[in-house]
Amino acid sequence: FILYLEVFPIFSSFLLLVYKTCPIINKYKAYEKEGTFM
């Protein structure tokens, strides 16, 4: 469990980085601003 507590924040940070930098997700963000179905 302790090792998991060490691994999960790292993986969560990786997901957050992907969320901020991935072109596809950025495209979804654009759709979000337009209030689209995506």
PDB file of all heavy atoms in Angstrom:
ATOM      1  N   PHE A   1       0.821  -1.188   0.000  1.00  0.00           N
ATOM      2  CA  PHE A   1       0.000   0.000   0.000  1.00  0.00           C
ATOM      3  C   PHE A   1       0.868   1.256   0.000  1.00  0.00           C
ATOM      4  O   PHE A   1       0.565   2.244  -0.671  1.00  0.00           O
ATOM      5  CB  PHE A   1      -0.909  -0.019   1.224  1.00  0.00           C
ATOM      6  CG  PHE A   1      -1.800   1.198   1.327  1.00  0.00           C
ATOM      7  CD1 PHE A   1      -2.846   1.393   0.430  1.00  0.00           C
ATOM      8  CD2 PHE A   1      -1.571   2.151   2.299  1.00  0.00           C
ATOM      9  CE1 PHE A   1      -3.643   2.500   0.525  1.00  0.00           C
ATOM     10  CE2 PHE A   1      -2.370   3.259   2.383  1.00  0.00           C
ATOM     11  CZ  PHE A   1      -3.421   3.442   1.498  1.00  0.00           C
ATOM     12  N   ILE A   2       1.961   1.211   0.787  1.00  0.00           N
ATOM     13  CA  ILE A   2       2.846   2.377   0.849  1.00  0.00           C
ATOM     14  C   ILE A   2       3.470   2.641  -0.525  1.00  0.00           C
ATOM     15  O   ILE A   2       3.554   3.785  -0.992  1.00  0.00           O
ATOM     16  CB  ILE A   2       3.938   2.153   1.908  1.00  0.00           C
ATOM     17  CG1 ILE A   2       3.284   2.068   3.300  1.00  0.00           C
ATOM     18  CG2 ILE A   2       4.987   3.248   1.868  1.00  0.00           C
ATOM     19  CD1 ILE A   2       4.238   1.657   4.398  1.00  0.00           C
ATOM     20  N   LEU A   3       3.910   1.569  -1.201  1.00  0.00           N
ATOM     21  CA  LEU A   3       4.484   1.751  -2.526  1.00  0.00           C
ATOM     22  C   LEU A   3       3.445   2.295  -3.492  1.00  0.00           C
ATOM     23  O   LEU A   3       3.738   3.125  -4.350  1.00  0.00           O
ATOM     24  CB  LEU A   3       5.044   0.420  -3.031  1.00  0.00           C
ATOM     25  CG  LEU A   3       5.795   0.472  -4.363  1.00  0.00           C
ATOM     26  CD1 LEU A   3       6.945   1.473  -4.292  1.00  0.00           C
ATOM     27  CD2 LEU A   3       6.316  -0.903  -4.728  1.00  0.00           C
ATOM     28  N   TYR A   4       2.190   1.833  -3.326  1.00  0.00           N
ATOM     29  CA  TYR A   4       1.128   2.356  -4.182  1.00  0.00           C
ATOM     30  C   TYR A   4       0.963   3.853  -3.981  1.00  0.00           C
ATOM     31  O   TYR A   4       0.790   4.625  -4.929  1.00  0.00           O
ATOM     32  CB  TYR A   4      -0.200   1.652  -3.875  1.00  0.00           C
ATOM     33  CG  TYR A   4      -1.390   2.461  -4.315  1.00  0.00           C
ATOM     34  CD1 TYR A   4      -1.665   2.624  -5.663  1.00  0.00           C
ATOM     35  CD2 TYR A   4      -2.186   3.106  -3.382  1.00  0.00           C
ATOM     36  CE1 TYR A   4      -2.722   3.401  -6.075  1.00  0.00           C
ATOM     37  CE2 TYR A   4      -3.236   3.884  -3.781  1.00  0.00           C
ATOM     38  CZ  TYR A   4      -3.521   4.032  -5.130  1.00  0.00           C
ATOM     39  OH  TYR A   4      -4.557   4.805  -5.539  1.00  0.00           O
ATOM     40  N   LEU A   5       1.032   4.303  -2.697  1.00  0.00           N
ATOM     41  CA  LEU A   5       0.905   5.731  -2.424  1.00  0.00           C
ATOM     42  C   LEU A   5       2.019   6.521  -3.101  1.00  0.00           C
ATOM     43  O   LEU A   5       1.856   7.702  -3.416  1.00  0.00           O
ATOM     44  CB  LEU A   5       0.928   5.979  -0.916  1.00  0.00           C
ATOM     45  CG  LEU A   5      -0.287   5.449  -0.136  1.00  0.00           C
ATOM     46  CD1 LEU A   5      -0.112   5.732   1.354  1.00  0.00           C
ATOM     47  CD2 LEU A   5      -1.575   6.074  -0.655  1.00  0.00           C
ATOM     48  N   GLU A   6       3.172   5.847  -3.292  1.00  0.00           N
ATOM     49  CA  GLU A   6       4.273   6.512  -3.981  1.00  0.00           C
ATOM     50  C   GLU A   6       4.058   6.518  -5.498  1.00  0.00           C
ATOM     51  O   GLU A   6       4.364   7.491  -6.190  1.00  0.00           O
ATOM     52  CB  GLU A   6       5.586   5.823  -3.652  1.00  0.00           C
ATOM     53  CG  GLU A   6       5.966   5.906  -2.189  1.00  0.00           C
ATOM     54  CD  GLU A   6       7.179   5.051  -1.873  1.00  0.00           C
ATOM     55  OE1 GLU A   6       7.628   4.323  -2.773  1.00  0.00           O
ATOM     56  OE2 GLU A   6       7.651   5.132  -0.736  1.00  0.00           O
ATOM     57  N   VAL A   7       3.496   5.447  -6.032  1.00  0.00           N
ATOM     58  CA  VAL A   7       3.345   5.313  -7.489  1.00  0.00           C
ATOM     59  C   VAL A   7       2.170   6.112  -8.017  1.00  0.00           C
ATOM     60  O   VAL A   7       2.248   6.762  -9.064  1.00  0.00           O
ATOM     61  CB  VAL A   7       3.197   3.822  -7.866  1.00  0.00           C
ATOM     62  CG1 VAL A   7       2.833   3.661  -9.332  1.00  0.00           C
ATOM     63  CG2 VAL A   7       4.474   3.083  -7.544  1.00  0.00           C
ATOM     64  N   PHE A   8       1.026   6.089  -7.284  1.00  0.00           N
ATOM     65  CA  PHE A   8      -0.183   6.694  -7.822  1.00  0.00           C
ATOM     66  C   PHE A   8      -0.036   8.195  -8.066  1.00  0.00           C
ATOM     67  O   PHE A   8      -0.475   8.701  -9.112  1.00  0.00           O
ATOM     68  CB  PHE A   8      -1.362   6.408  -6.892  1.00  0.00           C
ATOM     69  CG  PHE A   8      -2.652   7.014  -7.390  1.00  0.00           C
ATOM     70  CD1 PHE A   8      -3.270   6.521  -8.530  1.00  0.00           C
ATOM     71  CD2 PHE A   8      -3.229   8.079  -6.718  1.00  0.00           C
ATOM     72  CE1 PHE A   8      -4.441   7.066  -8.981  1.00  0.00           C
ATOM     73  CE2 PHE A   8      -4.401   8.632  -7.184  1.00  0.00           C
ATOM     74  CZ  PHE A   8      -5.020   8.129  -8.321  1.00  0.00           C
ATOM     75  N   PRO A   9       0.574   9.000  -7.123  1.00  0.00           N
ATOM     76  CA  PRO A   9       0.735  10.430  -7.434  1.00  0.00           C
ATOM     77  C   PRO A   9       1.551  10.660  -8.709  1.00  0.00           C
ATOM     78  O   PRO A   9       1.273  11.591  -9.470  1.00  0.00           O
ATOM     79  CB  PRO A   9       1.448  10.980  -6.203  1.00  0.00           C
ATOM     80  CG  PRO A   9       1.075  10.034  -5.119  1.00  0.00           C
ATOM     81  CD  PRO A   9       1.002   8.699  -5.770  1.00  0.00           C
ATOM     82  N   ILE A  10       2.570   9.821  -8.934  1.00  0.00           N
ATOM     83  CA  ILE A  10       3.387   9.979 -10.144  1.00  0.00           C
ATOM     84  C   ILE A  10       2.539   9.739 -11.381  1.00  0.00           C
ATOM     85  O   ILE A  10       2.562  10.516 -12.356  1.00  0.00           O
ATOM     86  CB  ILE A  10       4.586   9.024 -10.115  1.00  0.00           C
ATOM     87  CG1 ILE A  10       5.487   9.361  -8.918  1.00  0.00           C
ATOM     88  CG2 ILE A  10       5.367   9.067 -11.417  1.00  0.00           C
ATOM     89  CD1 ILE A  10       6.607   8.374  -8.705  1.00  0.00           C
ATOM     90  N   PHE A  11       1.757   8.651 -11.349  1.00  0.00           N
ATOM     91  CA  PHE A  11       0.932   8.343 -12.514  1.00  0.00           C
ATOM     92  C   PHE A  11      -0.156   9.391 -12.701  1.00  0.00           C
ATOM     93  O   PHE A  11      -0.510   9.757 -13.833  1.00  0.00           O
ATOM     94  CB  PHE A  11       0.316   6.944 -12.342  1.00  0.00           C
ATOM     95  CG  PHE A  11      -0.340   6.446 -13.602  1.00  0.00           C
ATOM     96  CD1 PHE A  11       0.413   5.869 -14.607  1.00  0.00           C
ATOM     97  CD2 PHE A  11      -1.714   6.561 -13.779  1.00  0.00           C
ATOM     98  CE1 PHE A  11      -0.182   5.411 -15.756  1.00  0.00           C
ATOM     99  CE2 PHE A  11      -2.310   6.104 -14.924  1.00  0.00           C
ATOM    100  CZ  PHE A  11      -1.557   5.522 -15.931  1.00  0.00           C
ATOM    101  N   SER A  12      -0.710   9.908 -11.576  1.00  0.00           N
ATOM    102  CA  SER A  12      -1.729  10.953 -11.674  1.00  0.00           C
ATOM    103  C   SER A  12      -1.150  12.213 -12.294  1.00  0.00           C
ATOM    104  O   SER A  12      -1.798  12.889 -13.107  1.00  0.00           O
ATOM    105  CB  SER A  12      -2.296  11.250 -10.281  1.00  0.00           C
ATOM    106  OG  SER A  12      -2.891  10.101  -9.743  1.00  0.00           O
ATOM    107  N   SER A  13       0.107  12.543 -11.914  1.00  0.00           N
ATOM    108  CA  SER A  13       0.766  13.712 -12.503  1.00  0.00           C
ATOM    109  C   SER A  13       0.952  13.510 -14.004  1.00  0.00           C
ATOM    110  O   SER A  13       0.806  14.445 -14.805  1.00  0.00           O
ATOM    111  CB  SER A  13       2.114  13.952 -11.823  1.00  0.00           C
ATOM    112  OG  SER A  13       1.932  14.190 -10.454  1.00  0.00           O
ATOM    113  N   PHE A  14       1.291  12.268 -14.382  1.00  0.00           N
ATOM    114  CA  PHE A  14       1.435  11.959 -15.806  1.00  0.00           C
ATOM    115  C   PHE A  14       0.122  12.180 -16.551  1.00  0.00           C
ATOM    116  O   PHE A  14       0.090  12.770 -17.643  1.00  0.00           O
ATOM    117  CB  PHE A  14       1.911  10.521 -15.963  1.00  0.00           C
ATOM    118  CG  PHE A  14       1.881  10.013 -17.385  1.00  0.00           C
ATOM    119  CD1 PHE A  14       2.834  10.426 -18.307  1.00  0.00           C
ATOM    120  CD2 PHE A  14       0.882   9.134 -17.798  1.00  0.00           C
ATOM    121  CE1 PHE A  14       2.802   9.970 -19.611  1.00  0.00           C
ATOM    122  CE2 PHE A  14       0.849   8.680 -19.096  1.00  0.00           C
ATOM    123  CZ  PHE A  14       1.804   9.101 -20.013  1.00  0.00           C
ATOM    124  N   LEU A  15      -0.989  11.737 -15.951  1.00  0.00           N
ATOM    125  CA  LEU A  15      -2.299  11.936 -16.582  1.00  0.00           C
ATOM    126  C   LEU A  15      -2.609  13.424 -16.724  1.00  0.00           C
ATOM    127  O   LEU A  15      -3.150  13.876 -17.747  1.00  0.00           O
ATOM    128  CB  LEU A  15      -3.383  11.246 -15.775  1.00  0.00           C
ATOM    129  CG  LEU A  15      -3.429   9.711 -15.834  1.00  0.00           C
ATOM    130  CD1 LEU A  15      -4.536   9.195 -14.933  1.00  0.00           C
ATOM    131  CD2 LEU A  15      -3.658   9.244 -17.264  1.00  0.00           C
ATOM    132  N   LEU A  16      -2.276  14.200 -15.688  1.00  0.00           N
ATOM    133  CA  LEU A  16      -2.529  15.636 -15.750  1.00  0.00           C
ATOM    134  C   LEU A  16      -1.714  16.299 -16.850  1.00  0.00           C
ATOM    135  O   LEU A  16      -2.204  17.186 -17.572  1.00  0.00           O
ATOM    136  CB  LEU A  16      -2.205  16.256 -14.384  1.00  0.00           C
ATOM    137  CG  LEU A  16      -2.500  17.752 -14.239  1.00  0.00           C
ATOM    138  CD1 LEU A  16      -3.986  18.025 -14.453  1.00  0.00           C
ATOM    139  CD2 LEU A  16      -2.070  18.244 -12.856  1.00  0.00           C
ATOM    140  N   LEU A  17      -0.443  15.847 -16.991  1.00  0.00           N
ATOM    141  CA  LEU A  17       0.406  16.397 -18.055  1.00  0.00           C
ATOM    142  C   LEU A  17      -0.177  16.083 -19.424  1.00  0.00           C
ATOM    143  O   LEU A  17      -0.216  16.941 -20.319  1.00  0.00           O
ATOM    144  CB  LEU A  17       1.822  15.831 -17.919  1.00  0.00           C
ATOM    145  CG  LEU A  17       2.837  16.286 -18.971  1.00  0.00           C
ATOM    146  CD1 LEU A  17       3.056  17.799 -18.873  1.00  0.00           C
ATOM    147  CD2 LEU A  17       4.171  15.555 -18.789  1.00  0.00           C
ATOM    148  N   VAL A  18      -0.641  14.821 -19.555  1.00  0.00           N
ATOM    149  CA  VAL A  18      -1.275  14.443 -20.826  1.00  0.00           C
ATOM    150  C   VAL A  18      -2.506  15.299 -21.099  1.00  0.00           C
ATOM    151  O   VAL A  18      -2.748  15.757 -22.213  1.00  0.00           O
ATOM    152  CB  VAL A  18      -1.641  12.934 -20.807  1.00  0.00           C
ATOM    153  CG1 VAL A  18      -2.493  12.560 -22.008  1.00  0.00           C
ATOM    154  CG2 VAL A  18      -0.375  12.096 -20.781  1.00  0.00           C
ATOM    155  N   TYR A  19      -3.270  15.513 -20.045  1.00  0.00           N
ATOM    156  CA  TYR A  19      -4.501  16.304 -20.178  1.00  0.00           C
ATOM    157  C   TYR A  19      -4.207  17.709 -20.682  1.00  0.00           C
ATOM    158  O   TYR A  19      -4.937  18.280 -21.477  1.00  0.00           O
ATOM    159  CB  TYR A  19      -5.195  16.330 -18.820  1.00  0.00           C
ATOM    160  CG  TYR A  19      -6.388  17.265 -18.755  1.00  0.00           C
ATOM    161  CD1 TYR A  19      -7.569  16.944 -19.407  1.00  0.00           C
ATOM    162  CD2 TYR A  19      -6.312  18.462 -18.038  1.00  0.00           C
ATOM    163  CE1 TYR A  19      -8.658  17.779 -19.344  1.00  0.00           C
ATOM    164  CE2 TYR A  19      -7.394  19.307 -17.976  1.00  0.00           C
ATOM    165  CZ  TYR A  19      -8.571  18.969 -18.631  1.00  0.00           C
ATOM    166  OH  TYR A  19      -9.646  19.799 -18.568  1.00  0.00           O
ATOM    167  N   LYS A  20      -3.062  18.285 -20.202  1.00  0.00           N
ATOM    168  CA  LYS A  20      -2.751  19.677 -20.557  1.00  0.00           C
ATOM    169  C   LYS A  20      -2.075  19.812 -21.920  1.00  0.00           C
ATOM    170  O   LYS A  20      -2.179  20.841 -22.582  1.00  0.00           O
ATOM    171  CB  LYS A  20      -1.860  20.291 -19.475  1.00  0.00           C
ATOM    172  CG  LYS A  20      -2.590  20.534 -18.157  1.00  0.00           C
ATOM    173  CD  LYS A  20      -1.665  21.206 -17.152  1.00  0.00           C
ATOM    174  CE  LYS A  20      -2.411  21.525 -15.869  1.00  0.00           C
ATOM    175  NZ  LYS A  20      -1.543  22.201 -14.887  1.00  0.00           N
ATOM    176  N   THR A  21      -1.364  18.761 -22.358  1.00  0.00           N
ATOM    177  CA  THR A  21      -0.525  18.918 -23.549  1.00  0.00           C
ATOM    178  C   THR A  21      -1.008  18.126 -24.765  1.00  0.00           C
ATOM    179  O   THR A  21      -0.596  18.405 -25.885  1.00  0.00           O
ATOM    180  CB  THR A  21       0.917  18.503 -23.235  1.00  0.00           C
ATOM    181  OG1 THR A  21       0.926  17.135 -22.822  1.00  0.00           O
ATOM    182  CG2 THR A  21       1.490  19.371 -22.123  1.00  0.00           C
ATOM    183  N   CYS A  22      -1.818  17.105 -24.577  1.00  0.00           N
ATOM    184  CA  CYS A  22      -2.229  16.253 -25.693  1.00  0.00           C
ATOM    185  C   CYS A  22      -3.061  17.056 -26.702  1.00  0.00           C
ATOM    186  O   CYS A  22      -4.049  17.707 -26.326  1.00  0.00           O
ATOM    187  CB  CYS A  22      -3.022  15.056 -25.178  1.00  0.00           C
ATOM    188  SG  CYS A  22      -3.576  13.955 -26.502  1.00  0.00           S
ATOM    189  N   PRO A  23      -2.682  17.030 -28.005  1.00  0.00           N
ATOM    190  CA  PRO A  23      -3.423  17.792 -29.034  1.00  0.00           C
ATOM    191  C   PRO A  23      -4.889  17.386 -29.104  1.00  0.00           C
ATOM    192  O   PRO A  23      -5.757  18.254 -29.292  1.00  0.00           O
ATOM    193  CB  PRO A  23      -2.683  17.440 -30.325  1.00  0.00           C
ATOM    194  CG  PRO A  23      -1.323  17.016 -29.874  1.00  0.00           C
ATOM    195  CD  PRO A  23      -1.506  16.360 -28.561  1.00  0.00           C
ATOM    196  N   ILE A  24      -5.148  16.097 -28.952  1.00  0.00           N
ATOM    197  CA  ILE A  24      -6.538  15.640 -29.067  1.00  0.00           C
ATOM    198  C   ILE A  24      -7.362  16.223 -27.933  1.00  0.00           C
ATOM    199  O   ILE A  24      -8.472  16.714 -28.136  1.00  0.00           O
ATOM    200  CB  ILE A  24      -6.608  14.102 -29.056  1.00  0.00           C
ATOM    201  CG1 ILE A  24      -5.860  13.546 -30.263  1.00  0.00           C
ATOM    202  CG2 ILE A  24      -8.038  13.615 -29.044  1.00  0.00           C
ATOM    203  CD1 ILE A  24      -5.781  12.029 -30.289  1.00  0.00           C
ATOM    204  N   ILE A  25      -6.778  16.170 -26.727  1.00  0.00           N
ATOM    205  CA  ILE A  25      -7.512  16.708 -25.575  1.00  0.00           C
ATOM    206  C   ILE A  25      -7.669  18.205 -25.702  1.00  0.00           C
ATOM    207  O   ILE A  25      -8.711  18.772 -25.362  1.00  0.00           O
ATOM    208  CB  ILE A  25      -6.793  16.335 -24.274  1.00  0.00           C
ATOM    209  CG1 ILE A  25      -6.843  14.816 -24.067  1.00  0.00           C
ATOM    210  CG2 ILE A  25      -7.406  17.043 -23.070  1.00  0.00           C
ATOM    211  CD1 ILE A  25      -6.148  14.318 -22.834  1.00  0.00           C
ATOM    212  N   ASN A  26      -6.619  18.876 -26.239  1.00  0.00           N
ATOM    213  CA  ASN A  26      -6.743  20.318 -26.460  1.00  0.00           C
ATOM    214  C   ASN A  26      -7.871  20.630 -27.436  1.00  0.00           C
ATOM    215  O   ASN A  26      -8.571  21.633 -27.309  1.00  0.00           O
ATOM    216  CB  ASN A  26      -5.428  20.891 -26.978  1.00  0.00           C
ATOM    217  CG  ASN A  26      -4.376  20.956 -25.881  1.00  0.00           C
ATOM    218  OD1 ASN A  26      -4.722  21.031 -24.707  1.00  0.00           O
ATOM    219  ND2 ASN A  26      -3.103  20.905 -26.260  1.00  0.00           N
ATOM    220  N   LYS A  27      -8.009  19.723 -28.419  1.00  0.00           N
ATOM    221  CA  LYS A  27      -9.107  19.904 -29.370  1.00  0.00           C
ATOM    222  C   LYS A  27     -10.445  19.768 -28.655  1.00  0.00           C
ATOM    223  O   LYS A  27     -11.379  20.538 -28.902  1.00  0.00           O
ATOM    224  CB  LYS A  27      -8.988  18.867 -30.480  1.00  0.00           C
ATOM    225  CG  LYS A  27     -10.036  19.042 -31.586  1.00  0.00           C
ATOM    226  CD  LYS A  27      -9.789  18.033 -32.698  1.00  0.00           C
ATOM    227  CE  LYS A  27     -10.823  18.222 -33.811  1.00  0.00           C
ATOM    228  NZ  LYS A  27     -10.620  17.243 -34.909  1.00  0.00           N
ATOM    229  N   TYR A  28     -10.508  18.780 -27.724  1.00  0.00           N
ATOM    230  CA  TYR A  28     -11.737  18.616 -26.947  1.00  0.00           C
ATOM    231  C   TYR A  28     -12.005  19.851 -26.107  1.00  0.00           C
ATOM    232  O   TYR A  28     -13.149  20.249 -25.897  1.00  0.00           O
ATOM    233  CB  TYR A  28     -11.628  17.387 -26.031  1.00  0.00           C
ATOM    234  CG  TYR A  28     -11.688  16.073 -26.775  1.00  0.00           C
ATOM    235  CD1 TYR A  28     -11.178  14.911 -26.184  1.00  0.00           C
ATOM    236  CD2 TYR A  28     -12.254  15.985 -28.052  1.00  0.00           C
ATOM    237  CE1 TYR A  28     -11.218  13.694 -26.847  1.00  0.00           C
ATOM    238  CE2 TYR A  28     -12.294  14.778 -28.710  1.00  0.00           C
ATOM    239  CZ  TYR A  28     -11.787  13.627 -28.122  1.00  0.00           C
ATOM    240  OH  TYR A  28     -11.841  12.428 -28.771  1.00  0.00           O
ATOM    241  N   LYS A  29     -10.911  20.467 -25.594  1.00  0.00           N
ATOM    242  CA  LYS A  29     -11.077  21.690 -24.816  1.00  0.00           C
ATOM    243  C   LYS A  29     -11.690  22.793 -25.670  1.00  0.00           C
ATOM    244  O   LYS A  29     -12.517  23.587 -25.208  1.00  0.00           O
ATOM    245  CB  LYS A  29      -9.735  22.149 -24.260  1.00  0.00           C
ATOM    246  CG  LYS A  29      -9.169  21.267 -23.162  1.00  0.00           C
ATOM    247  CD  LYS A  29      -7.849  21.828 -22.684  1.00  0.00           C
ATOM    248  CE  LYS A  29      -7.251  20.957 -21.602  1.00  0.00           C
ATOM    249  NZ  LYS A  29      -5.949  21.456 -21.140  1.00  0.00           N
ATOM    250  N   ALA A  30     -11.237  22.801 -26.931  1.00  0.00           N
ATOM    251  CA  ALA A  30     -11.801  23.802 -27.838  1.00  0.00           C
ATOM    252  C   ALA A  30     -13.288  23.558 -28.042  1.00  0.00           C
ATOM    253  O   ALA A  30     -14.101  24.489 -28.027  1.00  0.00           O
ATOM    254  CB  ALA A  30     -11.071  23.764 -29.185  1.00  0.00           C
ATOM    255  N   TYR A  31     -13.638  22.309 -28.253  1.00  0.00           N
ATOM    256  CA  TYR A  31     -15.061  21.975 -28.377  1.00  0.00           C
ATOM    257  C   TYR A  31     -15.817  22.363 -27.115  1.00  0.00           C
ATOM    258  O   TYR A  31     -16.958  22.808 -27.161  1.00  0.00           O
ATOM    259  CB  TYR A  31     -15.232  20.471 -28.614  1.00  0.00           C
ATOM    260  CG  TYR A  31     -14.791  20.031 -30.000  1.00  0.00           C
ATOM    261  CD1 TYR A  31     -14.301  18.733 -30.176  1.00  0.00           C
ATOM    262  CD2 TYR A  31     -14.859  20.887 -31.098  1.00  0.00           C
ATOM    263  CE1 TYR A  31     -13.897  18.300 -31.423  1.00  0.00           C
ATOM    264  CE2 TYR A  31     -14.445  20.456 -32.343  1.00  0.00           C
ATOM    265  CZ  TYR A  31     -13.969  19.171 -32.522  1.00  0.00           C
ATOM    266  OH  TYR A  31     -13.576  18.731 -33.735  1.00  0.00           O
ATOM    267  N   GLU A  32     -15.149  22.185 -25.987  1.00  0.00           N
ATOM    268  CA  GLU A  32     -15.803  22.506 -24.714  1.00  0.00           C
ATOM    269  C   GLU A  32     -16.137  23.990 -24.642  1.00  0.00           C
ATOM    270  O   GLU A  32     -17.199  24.386 -24.173  1.00  0.00           O
ATOM    271  CB  GLU A  32     -14.870  22.106 -23.560  1.00  0.00           C
ATOM    272  CG  GLU A  32     -15.468  22.323 -22.180  1.00  0.00           C
ATOM    273  CD  GLU A  32     -14.529  21.903 -21.085  1.00  0.00           C
ATOM    274  OE1 GLU A  32     -13.449  21.374 -21.399  1.00  0.00           O
ATOM    275  OE2 GLU A  32     -14.883  22.102 -19.908  1.00  0.00           O
ATOM    276  N   LYS A  33     -15.177  24.829 -25.119  1.00  0.00           N
ATOM    277  CA  LYS A  33     -15.429  26.262 -25.091  1.00  0.00           C
ATOM    278  C   LYS A  33     -16.605  26.621 -25.990  1.00  0.00           C
ATOM    279  O   LYS A  33     -17.330  27.572 -25.753  1.00  0.00           O
ATOM    280  CB  LYS A  33     -14.179  27.023 -25.551  1.00  0.00           C
ATOM    281  CG  LYS A  33     -13.034  26.956 -24.536  1.00  0.00           C
ATOM    282  CD  LYS A  33     -11.837  27.729 -25.043  1.00  0.00           C
ATOM    283  CE  LYS A  33     -10.698  27.667 -24.034  1.00  0.00           C
ATOM    284  NZ  LYS A  33      -9.511  28.388 -24.506  1.00  0.00           N
ATOM    285  N   GLU A  34     -16.753  25.838 -27.077  1.00  0.00           N
ATOM    286  CA  GLU A  34     -17.845  26.108 -28.009  1.00  0.00           C
ATOM    287  C   GLU A  34     -19.154  25.499 -27.529  1.00  0.00           C
ATOM    288  O   GLU A  34     -20.188  25.672 -28.159  1.00  0.00           O
ATOM    289  CB  GLU A  34     -17.496  25.512 -29.381  1.00  0.00           C
ATOM    290  CG  GLU A  34     -16.257  26.163 -30.011  1.00  0.00           C
ATOM    291  CD  GLU A  34     -15.828  25.435 -31.282  1.00  0.00           C
ATOM    292  OE1 GLU A  34     -16.550  24.505 -31.654  1.00  0.00           O
ATOM    293  OE2 GLU A  34     -14.806  25.806 -31.851  1.00  0.00           O
ATOM    294  N   GLY A  35     -19.109  24.760 -26.387  1.00  0.00           N
ATOM    295  CA  GLY A  35     -20.319  24.147 -25.868  1.00  0.00           C
ATOM    296  C   GLY A  35     -20.791  22.998 -26.709  1.00  0.00           C
ATOM    297  O   GLY A  35     -21.993  22.723 -26.764  1.00  0.00           O
ATOM    298  N   THR A  36     -19.873  22.305 -27.382  1.00  0.00           N
ATOM    299  CA  THR A  36     -20.246  21.203 -28.263  1.00  0.00           C
ATOM    300  C   THR A  36     -20.559  19.958 -27.481  1.00  0.00           C
ATOM    301  O   THR A  36     -20.330  19.869 -26.272  1.00  0.00           O
ATOM    302  CB  THR A  36     -19.098  20.898 -29.245  1.00  0.00           C
ATOM    303  OG1 THR A  36     -17.983  20.471 -28.469  1.00  0.00           O
ATOM    304  CG2 THR A  36     -18.740  22.105 -30.077  1.00  0.00           C
ATOM    305  N   PHE A  37     -21.022  18.950 -28.207  1.00  0.00           N
ATOM    306  CA  PHE A  37     -21.407  17.669 -27.617  1.00  0.00           C
ATOM    307  C   PHE A  37     -20.205  16.938 -26.998  1.00  0.00           C
ATOM    308  O   PHE A  37     -20.350  16.185 -26.038  1.00  0.00           O
ATOM    309  CB  PHE A  37     -22.049  16.802 -28.702  1.00  0.00           C
ATOM    310  CG  PHE A  37     -22.505  15.472 -28.202  1.00  0.00           C
ATOM    311  CD1 PHE A  37     -23.637  15.366 -27.394  1.00  0.00           C
ATOM    312  CD2 PHE A  37     -21.793  14.320 -28.510  1.00  0.00           C
ATOM    313  CE1 PHE A  37     -24.051  14.135 -26.929  1.00  0.00           C
ATOM    314  CE2 PHE A  37     -22.212  13.091 -28.045  1.00  0.00           C
ATOM    315  CZ  PHE A  37     -23.345  12.997 -27.261  1.00  0.00           C
ATOM    316  N   MET A  38     -18.955  17.186 -27.509  1.00  0.00           N
ATOM    317  CA  MET A  38     -17.764  16.483 -27.024  1.00  0.00           C
ATOM    318  C   MET A  38     -17.455  16.844 -25.567  1.00  0.00           C
ATOM    319  O   MET A  38     -16.775  16.114 -24.867  1.00  0.00           O
ATOM    320  CB  MET A  38     -16.547  16.816 -27.893  1.00  0.00           C
ATOM    321  CG  MET A  38     -16.607  16.195 -29.270  1.00  0.00           C
ATOM    322  SD  MET A  38     -16.679  14.392 -29.169  1.00  0.00           S
ATOM    323  CE  MET A  38     -15.124  14.041 -28.401  1.00  0.00           C
TER     324      MET A  38
END
